[in-house]
């Protein structure tokens, strides 16, 4: 399938987005029961092909939809009252197991996670939990416990990971938006490979409770949606902290930022990723698409130039924290023998690198903030003149287009790490820093596969990034394109 065929076979028609769904419910032009029933039908029809969901809450969701209709009829209004959404299966939903891509019998969660509690408080109806690779380690969503989740743009390819189920569900029009999590790009990578907006917010912006410092602070929850406004609305609905959270950034108004002009910004485009053993370079189609996005930014009035951030040895702050996080989760599994051999390898590595090594890795973060933060700060030169730092860093989200299903099958832990580093070398540093980033759709390869670009900023810069993403969206109108696979799902194309 060529990229032109992808455009021809897509149409702007289909299920309403998150904001439009909420508006239609508030105006009474539809009901929550209708929206939730339609979402469940789409999910069930798509499941044999896309396999986006691990668990459905059909009966509970329909009961909650009926209650939402009663509340709407009584005049109650909440940001997402009655709107169907999905959450990733690393997120606790009371009464359901949290498999996080693993096999075996796991106990049901006794309580909602803080993010789910806030979703419910905003009125959302959670229709189900989406697939993730095992413990969120890899940029693909495949595993013996649940099979392979497939990309709606080309079902022979992965939608990415680890939030691949959430991305596939939104891209295919099964739900208007979904929650994912991002510990090394796990929201941004699947967003790039499924033509979505994916926000990795500032660490602590969305509570991870009861796992408030997941993966030693690397992992945060974030929204996936077709538009910036929808992603911002979901971010606003779930943002906030739990009393036990160690990170507590001041609040932002993401939805207001999506309506605001960003002003003229200084944007750096960087092609070279942080040091990796693979010497990754962007695929020619990725470079072409991101270059076109940079040209759009320049045409919109921004100052765009190539630059090279000083990442330093930032990997020393990532590997111990990531493997220790896997070890902590894997050790809680009731039957570790069921875990992938690569997971058990990471568990052993994480156990060796825990304790003092992890503490040292986390202590490096202050120096990393200072070094990379200088890229964004205004500084004084020796001649007394000021040098203006950049406002935004633009990079490819991934170096490669979405790989075929099965690309990582049978690989050892080391070869899997090399292969995923070759494909995805750009996203993880911002998890070490804890700073925000947004994937925006950048275009398609010659084979019609989506690729994306990251807008990255310094600490607590979500509002600027969201405003810039919304300006790009207004020009490029990426939300008008739908994947051909979605047209095979009733009501989704």
Protein backbone atom coordinates (compact mmCIF):
# COMPACT_ATOMS: atom_id res chain seq x y z
CA UNK A 1 0.00 0.00 0.00
CA UNK A 2 1.50 3.35 -0.98
CA UNK A 3 1.11 6.51 1.06
CA UNK A 4 -1.17 7.97 -1.62
CA UNK A 5 -3.40 4.91 -1.42
CA UNK A 6 -3.51 5.38 2.37
CA UNK A 7 -4.80 8.92 1.89
CA UNK A 8 -7.34 7.89 -0.73
CA UNK A 9 -8.78 5.10 1.40
CA UNK A 10 -9.23 7.27 4.49
CA UNK A 11 -12.06 9.66 5.24
CA UNK A 12 -12.73 12.24 7.95
CA UNK A 13 -15.99 10.46 8.82
CA UNK A 14 -16.12 8.11 11.79
CA UNK A 15 -16.68 8.18 15.55
CA UNK A 16 -16.43 11.59 17.17
CA UNK A 17 -13.28 12.51 19.04
CA UNK A 18 -13.12 12.94 22.79
CA UNK A 19 -14.16 16.60 22.95
CA UNK A 20 -16.89 16.16 20.34
CA UNK A 21 -18.22 13.06 22.13
CA UNK A 22 -18.45 15.00 25.38
CA UNK A 23 -20.14 17.93 23.63
CA UNK A 24 -22.70 15.70 21.91
CA UNK A 25 -23.58 14.11 25.24
CA UNK A 26 -23.96 17.49 26.93
CA UNK A 27 -26.15 18.73 24.08
CA UNK A 28 -28.30 15.61 24.18
CA UNK A 29 -27.75 14.64 20.54
CA UNK A 30 -26.58 11.19 21.65
CA UNK A 31 -26.50 9.15 24.84
CA UNK A 32 -23.75 7.48 26.78
CA UNK A 33 -25.48 4.14 26.28
CA UNK A 34 -25.33 4.66 22.52
CA UNK A 35 -21.67 5.72 22.59
CA UNK A 36 -20.54 2.92 24.89
CA UNK A 37 -22.56 0.26 23.05
CA UNK A 38 -21.08 1.38 19.74
CA UNK A 39 -17.55 1.33 21.17
CA UNK A 40 -18.06 -2.20 22.50
CA UNK A 41 -19.36 -3.37 19.11
CA UNK A 42 -16.36 -1.87 17.35
CA UNK A 43 -13.94 -3.46 19.81
CA UNK A 44 -15.51 -6.91 19.48
CA UNK A 45 -15.57 -6.66 15.67
CA UNK A 46 -11.90 -5.60 15.53
CA UNK A 47 -10.53 -7.97 18.13
CA UNK A 48 -9.87 -10.97 15.83
CA UNK A 49 -7.62 -8.77 13.66
CA UNK A 50 -6.27 -5.90 15.77
CA UNK A 51 -6.32 -7.55 19.21
CA UNK A 52 -6.08 -4.19 20.98
CA UNK A 53 -7.76 -5.21 24.26
CA UNK A 54 -6.82 -7.61 27.06
CA UNK A 55 -9.99 -7.12 29.15
CA UNK A 56 -13.43 -5.68 28.44
CA UNK A 57 -15.87 -4.32 31.02
CA UNK A 58 -18.96 -4.70 28.82
CA UNK A 59 -21.62 -5.21 31.50
CA UNK A 60 -20.10 -2.76 33.97
CA UNK A 61 -19.52 -0.14 31.27
CA UNK A 62 -23.11 -0.36 30.04
CA UNK A 63 -24.39 0.00 33.60
CA UNK A 64 -22.16 3.04 34.12
CA UNK A 65 -23.36 4.48 30.80
CA UNK A 66 -26.99 4.15 31.90
CA UNK A 67 -26.12 5.95 35.14
CA UNK A 68 -24.30 8.66 33.16
CA UNK A 69 -27.44 9.14 31.05
CA UNK A 70 -29.49 9.65 34.20
CA UNK A 71 -27.00 12.21 35.47
CA UNK A 72 -26.91 14.03 32.13
CA UNK A 73 -30.72 14.11 32.00
CA UNK A 74 -30.72 15.64 35.49
CA UNK A 75 -28.49 18.47 34.26
CA UNK A 76 -25.16 17.33 35.65
CA UNK A 77 -22.11 18.29 33.58
CA UNK A 78 -18.57 16.98 33.89
CA UNK A 79 -15.69 17.14 31.37
CA UNK A 80 -16.10 13.51 30.21
CA UNK A 81 -19.47 12.51 31.60
CA UNK A 82 -20.58 9.39 29.73
CA UNK A 83 -17.69 9.27 27.24
CA UNK A 84 -16.12 5.82 26.58
CA UNK A 85 -12.34 5.62 27.05
CA UNK A 86 -9.77 2.85 27.51
CA UNK A 87 -6.79 2.45 29.81
CA UNK A 88 -3.61 0.43 29.40
CA UNK A 89 -3.35 -2.85 31.27
CA UNK A 90 -0.64 -1.59 33.59
CA UNK A 91 -3.30 0.52 35.30
CA UNK A 92 -5.34 -0.77 38.23
CA UNK A 93 -9.09 -0.89 37.74
CA UNK A 94 -10.93 -2.19 40.79
CA UNK A 95 -12.18 -5.74 40.36
CA UNK A 96 -9.92 -6.52 37.38
CA UNK A 97 -6.44 -8.09 37.24
CA UNK A 98 -3.54 -5.95 36.07
CA UNK A 99 -1.59 -8.36 33.87
CA UNK A 100 0.74 -5.76 32.29
CA UNK A 101 1.37 -8.12 29.38
CA UNK A 102 2.11 -11.13 31.58
CA UNK A 103 0.55 -14.56 31.64
CA UNK A 104 -0.70 -16.43 34.68
CA UNK A 105 -3.41 -15.86 37.24
CA UNK A 106 -3.05 -12.51 38.92
CA UNK A 107 -5.24 -11.15 41.71
CA UNK A 108 -7.82 -8.52 40.92
CA UNK A 109 -7.07 -4.97 41.97
CA UNK A 110 -8.73 -3.98 45.22
CA UNK A 111 -8.99 -0.32 44.23
CA UNK A 112 -8.70 1.99 41.24
CA UNK A 113 -5.39 3.65 40.54
CA UNK A 114 -5.39 7.40 41.11
CA UNK A 115 -5.52 8.04 37.35
CA UNK A 116 -8.61 5.83 36.99
CA UNK A 117 -10.19 7.47 40.03
CA UNK A 118 -9.73 10.85 38.35
CA UNK A 119 -11.10 9.55 35.05
CA UNK A 120 -14.21 8.36 36.85
CA UNK A 121 -14.47 11.67 38.70
CA UNK A 122 -14.47 13.40 35.31
CA UNK A 123 -17.38 11.13 34.28
CA UNK A 124 -15.57 8.83 31.83
CA UNK A 125 -16.79 5.27 31.23
CA UNK A 126 -13.87 2.84 31.04
CA UNK A 127 -14.78 0.18 28.48
CA UNK A 128 -11.69 -1.98 28.91
CA UNK A 129 -7.96 -2.41 29.36
CA UNK A 130 -5.63 -2.44 26.38
CA UNK A 131 -2.75 -4.74 25.56
CA UNK A 132 0.84 -4.05 26.53
CA UNK A 133 4.01 -6.04 26.04
CA UNK A 134 5.35 -7.80 29.11
CA UNK A 135 6.06 -5.23 31.84
CA UNK A 136 6.23 -2.50 29.19
CA UNK A 137 9.80 -3.26 28.15
CA UNK A 138 9.71 -3.22 24.36
CA UNK A 139 8.51 -1.05 21.44
CA UNK A 140 6.15 -3.77 20.21
CA UNK A 141 2.97 -5.25 21.69
CA UNK A 142 3.31 -8.98 21.28
CA UNK A 143 3.52 -11.87 23.72
CA UNK A 144 2.45 -15.45 24.38
CA UNK A 145 -0.04 -14.34 27.04
CA UNK A 146 -2.25 -12.42 24.58
CA UNK A 147 -0.87 -12.72 21.04
CA UNK A 148 0.06 -9.80 18.80
CA UNK A 149 -1.62 -6.43 18.67
CA UNK A 150 -1.60 -5.15 15.09
CA UNK A 151 -1.31 -1.74 13.48
CA UNK A 152 -4.56 -0.47 11.92
CA UNK A 153 -2.56 1.23 9.15
CA UNK A 154 -1.01 -2.08 8.11
CA UNK A 155 -1.92 -5.19 10.07
CA UNK A 156 1.34 -6.89 9.17
CA UNK A 157 3.18 -4.36 11.35
CA UNK A 158 3.31 -3.53 15.03
CA UNK A 159 1.55 -0.43 16.40
CA UNK A 160 4.55 -0.05 18.70
CA UNK A 161 4.77 -0.42 22.42
CA UNK A 162 4.44 -0.66 25.12
CA UNK A 163 1.13 1.27 24.85
CA UNK A 164 0.40 -0.43 21.54
CA UNK A 165 -3.09 -1.59 22.50
CA UNK A 166 -4.15 1.92 23.45
CA UNK A 167 -2.66 3.34 20.24
CA UNK A 168 -4.30 0.72 18.02
CA UNK A 169 -7.66 1.26 19.75
CA UNK A 170 -7.61 5.03 19.15
CA UNK A 171 -6.13 4.88 15.64
CA UNK A 172 -8.78 2.37 14.55
CA UNK A 173 -11.59 4.51 15.99
CA UNK A 174 -12.59 1.96 18.62
CA UNK A 175 -12.52 4.61 21.37
CA UNK A 176 -12.03 8.38 21.06
CA UNK A 177 -8.98 8.43 23.36
CA UNK A 178 -7.01 6.18 25.68
CA UNK A 179 -4.49 6.34 28.47
CA UNK A 180 -1.03 4.85 28.05
CA UNK A 181 2.23 5.01 29.94
CA UNK A 182 5.70 6.10 28.87
CA UNK A 183 8.91 4.82 30.49
CA UNK A 184 11.21 5.03 27.45
CA UNK A 185 8.85 6.36 24.77
CA UNK A 186 5.95 3.96 25.32
CA UNK A 187 3.32 6.63 24.55
CA UNK A 188 5.28 8.57 21.94
CA UNK A 189 6.55 5.56 19.94
CA UNK A 190 3.13 3.94 19.33
CA UNK A 191 1.66 7.38 18.68
CA UNK A 192 4.30 7.90 15.96
CA UNK A 193 3.62 4.50 14.40
CA UNK A 194 -0.18 4.90 14.39
CA UNK A 195 -0.53 8.58 13.33
CA UNK A 196 -1.65 9.91 16.72
CA UNK A 197 -0.89 12.67 19.17
CA UNK A 198 0.76 11.22 22.27
CA UNK A 199 1.75 13.31 25.28
CA UNK A 200 4.43 12.30 27.76
CA UNK A 201 3.82 14.83 30.53
CA UNK A 202 6.14 16.14 33.20
CA UNK A 203 6.99 13.54 35.84
CA UNK A 204 4.26 13.68 38.49
CA UNK A 205 1.75 15.50 36.28
CA UNK A 206 -0.48 12.40 36.25
CA UNK A 207 -0.29 10.30 39.39
CA UNK A 208 1.02 6.77 39.00
CA UNK A 209 -0.31 5.75 42.42
CA UNK A 210 -0.21 3.00 43.69
CA UNK A 211 3.08 2.84 41.73
CA UNK A 212 3.97 6.47 42.33
CA UNK A 213 7.64 6.20 41.34
CA UNK A 214 7.32 3.50 38.69
CA UNK A 215 10.55 2.25 37.12
CA UNK A 216 12.56 4.44 39.47
CA UNK A 217 10.82 7.57 38.23
CA UNK A 218 11.15 6.85 34.49
CA UNK A 219 7.50 6.02 33.78
CA UNK A 220 4.59 8.45 33.56
CA UNK A 221 1.03 8.06 32.30
CA UNK A 222 -0.03 9.97 29.21
CA UNK A 223 -2.89 10.37 26.71
CA UNK A 224 -3.22 9.10 23.14
CA UNK A 225 -5.72 10.78 20.82
CA UNK A 226 -6.20 11.84 17.20
CA UNK A 227 -6.09 15.57 17.98
CA UNK A 228 -4.15 17.84 20.27
CA UNK A 229 -7.36 19.15 21.84
CA UNK A 230 -8.51 15.62 22.67
CA UNK A 231 -5.16 14.68 24.16
CA UNK A 232 -5.15 17.90 26.18
CA UNK A 233 -8.68 17.25 27.44
CA UNK A 234 -7.72 13.76 28.62
CA UNK A 235 -4.56 15.15 30.24
CA UNK A 236 -6.60 17.74 32.14
CA UNK A 237 -9.07 15.07 33.26
CA UNK A 238 -6.44 12.78 34.80
CA UNK A 239 -3.81 15.31 35.93
CA UNK A 240 -3.20 15.64 39.64
CA UNK A 241 -1.35 14.00 42.47
CA UNK A 242 -2.01 11.53 45.24
CA UNK A 243 -0.82 12.35 48.79
CA UNK A 244 1.82 9.62 48.50
CA UNK A 245 3.32 10.90 45.24
CA UNK A 246 6.94 12.13 45.49
CA UNK A 247 6.69 14.45 42.45
CA UNK A 248 4.18 17.31 42.57
CA UNK A 249 4.51 19.81 39.69
CA UNK A 250 2.20 22.84 39.71
CA UNK A 251 -0.98 22.45 37.66
CA UNK A 252 -1.30 23.37 33.99
CA UNK A 253 -4.32 24.05 31.78
CA UNK A 254 -3.60 21.88 28.76
CA UNK A 255 -6.93 22.58 27.04
CA UNK A 256 -6.39 26.33 27.23
CA UNK A 257 -2.88 25.86 25.84
CA UNK A 258 -4.32 23.96 22.86
CA UNK A 259 -6.36 27.06 22.00
CA UNK A 260 -3.49 29.52 22.40
CA UNK A 261 -1.02 30.77 19.80
CA UNK A 262 2.49 29.67 20.80
CA UNK A 263 4.15 32.88 19.64
CA UNK A 264 7.37 32.89 17.68
CA UNK A 265 9.69 30.17 18.99
CA UNK A 266 13.28 29.16 18.50
CA UNK A 267 13.22 25.49 17.46
CA UNK A 268 16.27 23.24 17.23
CA UNK A 269 16.12 20.13 15.07
CA UNK A 270 18.49 17.34 16.10
CA UNK A 271 19.13 14.26 13.99
CA UNK A 272 21.82 12.61 16.07
CA UNK A 273 20.43 10.59 18.99
CA UNK A 274 22.22 10.15 22.31
CA UNK A 275 25.10 7.71 22.19
CA UNK A 276 24.06 4.16 21.35
CA UNK A 277 25.99 1.07 20.35
CA UNK A 278 24.03 0.80 17.11
CA UNK A 279 25.00 4.08 15.46
CA UNK A 280 21.35 4.63 14.58
CA UNK A 281 20.47 7.02 11.78
CA UNK A 282 16.92 7.92 10.77
CA UNK A 283 15.41 5.95 7.90
CA UNK A 284 15.27 8.13 4.74
CA UNK A 285 11.46 8.27 4.88
CA UNK A 286 11.59 9.31 8.54
CA UNK A 287 14.12 12.03 7.77
CA UNK A 288 12.04 13.27 4.84
CA UNK A 289 8.87 13.46 6.94
CA UNK A 290 10.50 15.22 9.89
CA UNK A 291 12.26 17.64 7.53
CA UNK A 292 8.88 18.53 6.02
CA UNK A 293 7.52 19.15 9.53
CA UNK A 294 10.47 21.44 10.29
CA UNK A 295 9.79 23.32 7.07
CA UNK A 296 6.18 23.78 8.17
CA UNK A 297 7.38 25.26 11.46
CA UNK A 298 9.60 27.69 9.58
CA UNK A 299 6.73 28.66 7.29
CA UNK A 300 4.58 29.32 10.37
CA UNK A 301 7.13 31.90 11.50
CA UNK A 302 9.39 29.98 13.88
CA UNK A 303 13.18 30.12 13.81
CA UNK A 304 14.33 26.60 13.00
CA UNK A 305 17.94 25.44 12.83
CA UNK A 306 19.93 22.25 13.30
CA UNK A 307 21.67 21.79 16.65
CA UNK A 308 23.25 19.08 18.81
CA UNK A 309 22.15 18.83 22.44
CA UNK A 310 24.87 17.78 24.88
CA UNK A 311 23.33 14.59 26.24
CA UNK A 312 26.51 13.39 27.93
CA UNK A 313 26.45 9.86 29.35
CA UNK A 314 22.74 9.99 29.99
CA UNK A 315 22.44 6.24 29.42
CA UNK A 316 24.15 5.74 32.78
CA UNK A 317 21.05 7.24 34.31
CA UNK A 318 18.68 5.04 32.34
CA UNK A 319 19.84 1.41 32.30
CA UNK A 320 20.06 0.84 36.07
CA UNK A 321 16.71 2.50 36.68
CA UNK A 322 14.95 0.64 33.85
CA UNK A 323 16.25 -2.80 34.78
CA UNK A 324 15.64 -2.22 38.48
CA UNK A 325 12.07 -1.27 37.65
CA UNK A 326 11.57 -4.48 35.69
CA UNK A 327 13.09 -6.48 38.54
CA UNK A 328 10.76 -4.88 41.06
CA UNK A 329 7.67 -5.74 39.00
CA UNK A 330 8.82 -9.20 37.93
CA UNK A 331 9.61 -10.19 41.49
CA UNK A 332 5.96 -9.62 42.40
CA UNK A 333 4.65 -12.02 39.74
CA UNK A 334 3.15 -15.12 41.39
CA UNK A 335 4.89 -17.46 38.91
CA UNK A 336 8.09 -15.88 37.50
CA UNK A 337 8.72 -19.02 35.43
CA UNK A 338 5.90 -17.87 33.12
CA UNK A 339 7.77 -14.69 32.23
CA UNK A 340 9.62 -14.22 28.94
CA UNK A 341 13.29 -15.32 29.18
CA UNK A 342 14.25 -11.74 28.28
CA UNK A 343 12.27 -10.49 31.26
CA UNK A 344 14.02 -12.94 33.55
CA UNK A 345 17.36 -11.73 32.16
CA UNK A 346 16.37 -8.14 32.92
CA UNK A 347 15.29 -9.22 36.39
CA UNK A 348 18.76 -10.63 37.08
CA UNK A 349 20.43 -7.51 35.71
CA UNK A 350 18.14 -5.26 37.71
CA UNK A 351 18.86 -7.18 40.89
CA UNK A 352 22.60 -6.68 40.32
CA UNK A 353 22.21 -2.97 39.54
CA UNK A 354 19.80 -2.21 42.34
CA UNK A 355 20.54 -0.40 45.56
CA UNK A 356 23.64 1.78 45.42
CA UNK A 357 23.94 1.77 41.61
CA UNK A 358 20.33 2.91 41.17
CA UNK A 359 20.77 5.60 43.82
CA UNK A 360 23.86 6.86 42.01
CA UNK A 361 21.97 6.85 38.70
CA UNK A 362 19.19 8.93 40.22
CA UNK A 363 21.65 11.34 41.80
CA UNK A 364 23.12 12.02 38.34
CA UNK A 365 19.81 13.51 37.28
CA UNK A 366 20.59 16.93 38.78
CA UNK A 367 23.73 17.24 36.65
CA UNK A 368 21.83 15.99 33.61
CA UNK A 369 19.16 18.63 34.16
CA UNK A 370 21.85 21.30 34.31
CA UNK A 371 23.71 20.11 31.19
CA UNK A 372 20.70 19.61 28.94
CA UNK A 373 18.78 22.48 30.51
CA UNK A 374 21.50 24.83 29.26
CA UNK A 375 20.27 24.02 25.75
CA UNK A 376 17.02 25.81 26.62
CA UNK A 377 18.30 28.60 28.90
CA UNK A 378 19.39 32.14 28.03
CA UNK A 379 23.02 32.63 29.02
CA UNK A 380 25.48 35.53 29.12
CA UNK A 381 28.50 35.40 26.77
CA UNK A 382 31.98 36.66 27.57
CA UNK A 383 31.33 39.84 25.59
CA UNK A 384 28.36 40.71 27.74
CA UNK A 385 25.79 39.76 25.11
CA UNK A 386 23.06 37.24 25.86
CA UNK A 387 22.70 34.02 23.90
CA UNK A 388 19.09 32.89 23.59
CA UNK A 389 18.50 29.25 24.28
CA UNK A 390 16.09 27.16 22.27
CA UNK A 391 12.42 26.95 23.21
CA UNK A 392 11.73 23.52 21.70
CA UNK A 393 13.77 20.57 20.49
CA UNK A 394 12.45 18.70 17.44
CA UNK A 395 13.65 15.16 16.73
CA UNK A 396 12.29 12.08 15.01
CA UNK A 397 10.29 10.04 17.48
CA UNK A 398 11.77 6.83 16.05
CA UNK A 399 14.62 6.13 13.67
CA UNK A 400 12.68 3.46 11.77
CA UNK A 401 9.10 2.97 10.59
CA UNK A 402 6.97 0.38 12.44
CA UNK A 403 8.61 -3.06 12.17
CA UNK A 404 6.75 -6.15 10.95
CA UNK A 405 4.94 -8.35 13.43
CA UNK A 406 7.38 -10.98 14.69
CA UNK A 407 10.49 -8.88 14.02
CA UNK A 408 11.69 -9.45 17.59
CA UNK A 409 10.64 -13.09 17.94
CA UNK A 410 13.30 -15.50 19.15
CA UNK A 411 15.91 -12.85 19.88
CA UNK A 412 18.04 -12.99 23.00
CA UNK A 413 17.74 -10.21 25.56
CA UNK A 414 20.88 -8.55 24.22
CA UNK A 415 19.82 -8.74 20.57
CA UNK A 416 16.35 -7.47 21.45
CA UNK A 417 17.93 -4.48 23.19
CA UNK A 418 20.11 -3.79 20.14
CA UNK A 419 17.20 -4.09 17.72
CA UNK A 420 14.92 -1.80 19.70
CA UNK A 421 17.72 0.72 20.25
CA UNK A 422 18.29 0.78 16.50
CA UNK A 423 14.57 1.45 15.92
CA UNK A 424 13.90 3.78 18.86
CA UNK A 425 16.99 5.72 20.02
CA UNK A 426 15.37 9.14 20.47
CA UNK A 427 12.65 8.96 23.12
CA UNK A 428 14.16 7.59 26.34
CA UNK A 429 16.38 10.53 27.45
CA UNK A 430 13.32 12.60 28.33
CA UNK A 431 12.23 9.83 30.71
CA UNK A 432 15.56 10.14 32.53
CA UNK A 433 15.04 13.89 32.77
CA UNK A 434 11.35 13.64 33.67
CA UNK A 435 10.53 16.45 31.25
CA UNK A 436 7.56 16.66 28.82
CA UNK A 437 7.41 15.68 25.18
CA UNK A 438 4.73 15.26 22.52
CA UNK A 439 4.64 13.04 19.46
CA UNK A 440 2.91 14.60 16.48
CA UNK A 441 2.19 12.79 13.21
CA UNK A 442 4.90 13.62 10.67
CA UNK A 443 3.67 11.72 7.62
CA UNK A 444 4.03 8.34 5.94
CA UNK A 445 6.66 6.16 4.36
CA UNK A 446 6.41 5.14 0.74
CA UNK A 447 4.71 1.97 1.96
CA UNK A 448 2.02 3.95 3.78
CA UNK A 449 3.37 3.41 7.31
CA UNK A 450 3.03 6.32 9.75
CA UNK A 451 6.03 8.04 11.33
CA UNK A 452 6.20 10.82 13.90
CA UNK A 453 8.23 13.67 15.33
CA UNK A 454 8.85 14.70 18.92
CA UNK A 455 8.43 18.20 20.31
CA UNK A 456 10.56 18.22 23.46
CA UNK A 457 10.93 20.90 26.08
CA UNK A 458 12.52 21.68 29.43
CA UNK A 459 10.92 21.10 32.80
CA UNK A 460 7.19 21.88 33.04
CA UNK A 461 6.89 23.12 29.45
CA UNK A 462 3.73 21.17 28.51
CA UNK A 463 1.70 24.27 27.71
CA UNK A 464 4.22 25.60 25.19
CA UNK A 465 4.56 22.19 23.52
CA UNK A 466 0.79 21.73 23.35
CA UNK A 467 0.29 25.20 21.83
CA UNK A 468 2.93 24.48 19.18
CA UNK A 469 1.47 21.05 18.42
CA UNK A 470 -1.99 22.58 18.02
CA UNK A 471 -0.63 25.19 15.60
CA UNK A 472 1.00 22.44 13.54
CA UNK A 473 -2.22 20.44 13.56
CA UNK A 474 -4.28 23.38 12.32
CA UNK A 475 -1.94 23.61 9.33
CA UNK A 476 -1.40 19.93 8.55
CA UNK A 477 -4.84 18.56 9.55
CA UNK A 478 -3.50 15.09 10.25
CA UNK A 479 -6.70 14.09 12.05
CA UNK A 480 -8.56 13.88 8.74
CA UNK A 481 -6.70 10.69 7.79
CA UNK A 482 -7.96 7.30 9.00
CA UNK A 483 -6.26 3.92 8.52
CA UNK A 484 -7.67 1.54 5.90
CA UNK A 485 -8.01 -1.26 8.48
CA UNK A 486 -10.49 0.90 10.40
CA UNK A 487 -12.89 0.86 7.47
CA UNK A 488 -13.39 -2.86 8.07
CA UNK A 489 -14.68 -2.18 11.61
CA UNK A 490 -18.38 -1.22 11.70
CA UNK A 491 -18.73 2.46 12.53
CA UNK A 492 -15.00 3.10 12.74
CA UNK A 493 -14.13 4.32 9.25
